[in-house]
């Protein structure tokens, strides 16, 4: 006799439970999934740079950046926590997810690269309010920006080099690559995250 399918958690149950947990979780297919811990310093450096730059550029507008402690609903009952996001909806102190997310950013890591750039990308593309999805390579000055065209179809472009800029006119934001990577020392033996293998990945973690 087949075992019954696990009961799907509601958003209210998930967020109430998350408040008492020492680690961050996402809600995927109705079940809480623990996020990967132990990010490298370079990951945090890039996240801090992005939040600081976005905060300054959107100051005075309705938009505010948020970090992985925030979240967005990618489809009904599905909660994701991007590394950085920009919420341009009403900001209420006790809310648990972005009201009107316009931008999400993922800083790639060896163990989550494929998941971020394929599985999560498809979910992010389905969020009607999102205009931009940015993937940031930590080992070199290289990003991939997904953006909507005039017909709201998704297009992507690669941006490389510290002298380049990431222009997001729908948000009135231009991120300089030099600012994104401020204080970051790239490895001398350059290996992109796309080429790395992480043999120690714990399959119990998910992004």
Protein backbone atom coordinates (compact mmCIF):
# COMPACT_ATOMS: atom_id res chain seq x y z
CA UNK A 1 0.00 0.00 0.00
CA UNK A 2 1.46 3.30 -1.05
CA UNK A 3 2.21 5.81 1.68
CA UNK A 4 0.03 8.93 1.63
CA UNK A 5 1.62 12.04 0.19
CA UNK A 6 2.94 14.41 2.86
CA UNK A 7 0.59 17.20 3.81
CA UNK A 8 1.40 20.49 2.14
CA UNK A 9 2.24 23.34 4.49
CA UNK A 10 0.40 26.62 4.17
CA UNK A 11 2.34 29.88 4.00
CA UNK A 12 1.03 30.82 7.43
CA UNK A 13 2.25 27.54 8.95
CA UNK A 14 5.62 27.83 7.26
CA UNK A 15 6.39 31.39 8.33
CA UNK A 16 5.18 30.76 11.90
CA UNK A 17 7.47 27.72 12.11
CA UNK A 18 10.40 29.52 10.46
CA UNK A 19 10.44 32.14 13.24
CA UNK A 20 11.68 29.53 15.73
CA UNK A 21 14.34 28.00 13.46
CA UNK A 22 18.02 29.00 13.69
CA UNK A 23 18.53 28.42 9.94
CA UNK A 24 16.73 29.70 6.87
CA UNK A 25 14.31 27.58 4.89
CA UNK A 26 12.40 27.86 1.66
CA UNK A 27 8.94 26.38 1.07
CA UNK A 28 9.08 24.14 -1.99
CA UNK A 29 6.30 21.84 -3.17
CA UNK A 30 4.57 22.37 0.14
CA UNK A 31 7.53 21.29 2.29
CA UNK A 32 10.23 23.32 4.10
CA UNK A 33 13.71 22.84 2.64
CA UNK A 34 16.82 24.00 4.47
CA UNK A 35 19.04 26.44 2.61
CA UNK A 36 22.75 25.92 2.23
CA UNK A 37 24.88 27.39 5.00
CA UNK A 38 28.54 28.35 5.17
CA UNK A 39 28.85 30.71 2.21
CA UNK A 40 32.34 32.02 1.51
CA UNK A 41 33.34 35.57 2.43
CA UNK A 42 33.36 36.54 -1.24
CA UNK A 43 29.67 35.68 -1.43
CA UNK A 44 28.85 37.95 1.52
CA UNK A 45 31.08 40.72 0.18
CA UNK A 46 29.19 40.79 -3.11
CA UNK A 47 25.80 40.69 -1.36
CA UNK A 48 26.77 43.60 0.92
CA UNK A 49 28.03 45.60 -2.07
CA UNK A 50 24.80 45.04 -3.98
CA UNK A 51 22.53 45.95 -1.07
CA UNK A 52 24.50 49.14 -0.34
CA UNK A 53 24.53 50.23 -3.98
CA UNK A 54 20.85 49.48 -4.54
CA UNK A 55 19.83 51.24 -1.33
CA UNK A 56 21.62 54.39 -2.38
CA UNK A 57 20.25 54.38 -5.91
CA UNK A 58 16.60 53.84 -4.96
CA UNK A 59 16.65 56.17 -1.96
CA UNK A 60 13.54 58.36 -2.00
CA UNK A 61 11.53 55.88 -4.08
CA UNK A 62 9.08 53.19 -2.97
CA UNK A 63 11.69 50.49 -3.62
CA UNK A 64 13.88 48.88 -0.97
CA UNK A 65 16.47 46.13 -1.29
CA UNK A 66 16.12 42.96 0.77
CA UNK A 67 18.47 40.09 1.59
CA UNK A 68 18.09 36.34 1.96
CA UNK A 69 16.17 36.89 5.19
CA UNK A 70 13.39 38.23 2.98
CA UNK A 71 11.49 36.16 0.46
CA UNK A 72 9.15 36.14 -2.51
CA UNK A 73 6.37 33.85 -3.62
CA UNK A 74 7.34 32.43 -7.00
CA UNK A 75 4.06 30.58 -7.43
CA UNK A 76 1.13 29.97 -5.08
CA UNK A 77 2.50 28.45 -1.88
CA UNK A 78 6.14 28.43 -3.06
CA UNK A 79 8.67 30.58 -1.18
CA UNK A 80 12.19 31.38 -2.39
CA UNK A 81 14.90 33.48 -0.76
CA UNK A 82 17.22 35.12 -3.33
CA UNK A 83 20.53 36.53 -2.12
CA UNK A 84 19.32 40.05 -2.88
CA UNK A 85 16.05 41.47 -4.13
CA UNK A 86 14.33 44.78 -4.73
CA UNK A 87 10.77 45.20 -3.44
CA UNK A 88 8.80 48.17 -4.77
CA UNK A 89 5.51 47.41 -3.04
CA UNK A 90 4.13 48.57 0.32
CA UNK A 91 6.69 47.84 3.03
CA UNK A 92 5.09 46.69 6.29
CA UNK A 93 7.30 45.75 9.26
CA UNK A 94 5.62 42.42 9.95
CA UNK A 95 5.30 41.20 6.36
CA UNK A 96 7.15 37.98 5.53
CA UNK A 97 7.54 38.31 1.76
CA UNK A 98 8.08 40.98 -0.87
CA UNK A 99 4.89 42.75 -1.93
CA UNK A 100 6.09 43.76 -5.41
CA UNK A 101 9.50 42.24 -6.26
CA UNK A 102 11.08 43.84 -9.34
CA UNK A 103 14.63 42.42 -9.17
CA UNK A 104 16.22 39.28 -7.76
CA UNK A 105 19.95 38.50 -7.59
CA UNK A 106 21.66 35.16 -7.05
CA UNK A 107 25.40 34.97 -6.33
CA UNK A 108 26.48 31.65 -7.74
CA UNK A 109 28.27 28.96 -5.75
CA UNK A 110 29.66 25.59 -6.90
CA UNK A 111 27.01 23.49 -5.19
CA UNK A 112 23.99 25.55 -6.27
CA UNK A 113 24.92 26.89 -9.71
CA UNK A 114 22.86 24.49 -11.82
CA UNK A 115 19.89 24.71 -9.49
CA UNK A 116 19.97 28.51 -9.42
CA UNK A 117 20.40 28.99 -13.15
CA UNK A 118 17.85 26.43 -14.28
CA UNK A 119 15.26 25.49 -11.66
CA UNK A 120 15.04 28.80 -9.84
CA UNK A 121 15.36 30.78 -13.07
CA UNK A 122 12.18 29.22 -14.42
CA UNK A 123 10.36 30.05 -11.19
CA UNK A 124 11.59 33.63 -11.18
CA UNK A 125 10.56 34.12 -14.81
CA UNK A 126 7.00 33.21 -13.83
CA UNK A 127 6.76 36.08 -11.31
CA UNK A 128 4.78 38.75 -13.18
CA UNK A 129 6.22 41.72 -11.28
CA UNK A 130 9.87 40.83 -11.89
CA UNK A 131 11.66 42.87 -14.54
CA UNK A 132 15.21 41.66 -13.89
CA UNK A 133 17.00 38.50 -12.76
CA UNK A 134 20.74 38.83 -12.16
CA UNK A 135 23.23 35.97 -11.74
CA UNK A 136 26.64 37.01 -10.38
CA UNK A 137 29.82 34.98 -10.86
CA UNK A 138 32.01 35.34 -7.72
CA UNK A 139 35.32 34.24 -9.26
CA UNK A 140 35.47 36.80 -12.08
CA UNK A 141 33.86 40.08 -13.14
CA UNK A 142 31.04 38.40 -15.03
CA UNK A 143 27.25 38.54 -14.64
CA UNK A 144 24.24 37.39 -16.64
CA UNK A 145 21.23 39.71 -16.67
CA UNK A 146 17.79 38.45 -17.64
CA UNK A 147 15.39 41.24 -18.55
CA UNK A 148 12.00 41.63 -20.17
CA UNK A 149 11.72 43.17 -23.62
CA UNK A 150 8.93 45.45 -24.89
CA UNK A 151 6.60 42.44 -25.21
CA UNK A 152 7.49 41.27 -21.68
CA UNK A 153 9.39 38.29 -23.07
CA UNK A 154 12.62 37.35 -21.29
CA UNK A 155 16.00 38.04 -22.87
CA UNK A 156 19.47 37.57 -21.43
CA UNK A 157 22.84 39.22 -21.89
CA UNK A 158 26.28 38.62 -20.43
CA UNK A 159 28.28 41.50 -18.99
CA UNK A 160 32.01 41.15 -18.35
CA UNK A 161 34.77 43.37 -16.98
CA UNK A 162 35.14 45.76 -14.07
CA UNK A 163 34.71 48.74 -16.36
CA UNK A 164 31.26 47.62 -17.53
CA UNK A 165 27.84 48.56 -16.13
CA UNK A 166 24.61 46.69 -15.51
CA UNK A 167 21.86 49.02 -16.69
CA UNK A 168 18.30 48.44 -15.46
CA UNK A 169 16.33 51.40 -16.81
CA UNK A 170 12.93 50.12 -15.66
CA UNK A 171 14.19 50.56 -12.10
CA UNK A 172 16.28 53.69 -12.68
CA UNK A 173 19.29 51.68 -11.51
CA UNK A 174 22.76 51.25 -13.01
CA UNK A 175 25.14 48.95 -11.16
CA UNK A 176 28.82 49.42 -11.88
CA UNK A 177 30.67 46.14 -12.05
CA UNK A 178 33.51 47.74 -10.10
CA UNK A 179 31.03 48.43 -7.28
CA UNK A 180 29.57 44.91 -7.33
CA UNK A 181 33.07 43.46 -6.94
CA UNK A 182 34.54 46.11 -4.64
CA UNK A 183 37.00 44.47 -2.23
CA UNK A 184 36.85 41.11 -4.02
CA UNK A 185 40.13 39.39 -4.91
CA UNK A 186 39.69 37.03 -7.82
CA UNK A 187 41.64 33.75 -7.75
CA UNK A 188 44.90 33.85 -9.70
CA UNK A 189 44.14 30.48 -11.24
CA UNK A 190 40.82 31.62 -12.64
CA UNK A 191 38.08 29.04 -12.44
CA UNK A 192 34.50 30.08 -12.90
CA UNK A 193 31.91 28.60 -10.61
CA UNK A 194 30.58 26.85 -13.70
CA UNK A 195 33.80 24.79 -13.78
CA UNK A 196 34.08 23.99 -10.08
CA UNK A 197 33.16 20.75 -8.38
CA UNK A 198 32.16 20.58 -4.75
CA UNK A 199 32.68 17.03 -3.59
CA UNK A 200 31.55 17.86 -0.08
CA UNK A 201 28.04 18.95 -1.06
CA UNK A 202 25.45 17.71 1.39
CA UNK A 203 22.41 16.44 -0.53
CA UNK A 204 20.16 17.34 2.38
CA UNK A 205 20.67 21.01 1.56
CA UNK A 206 18.66 22.67 -1.18
CA UNK A 207 18.53 26.14 -2.64
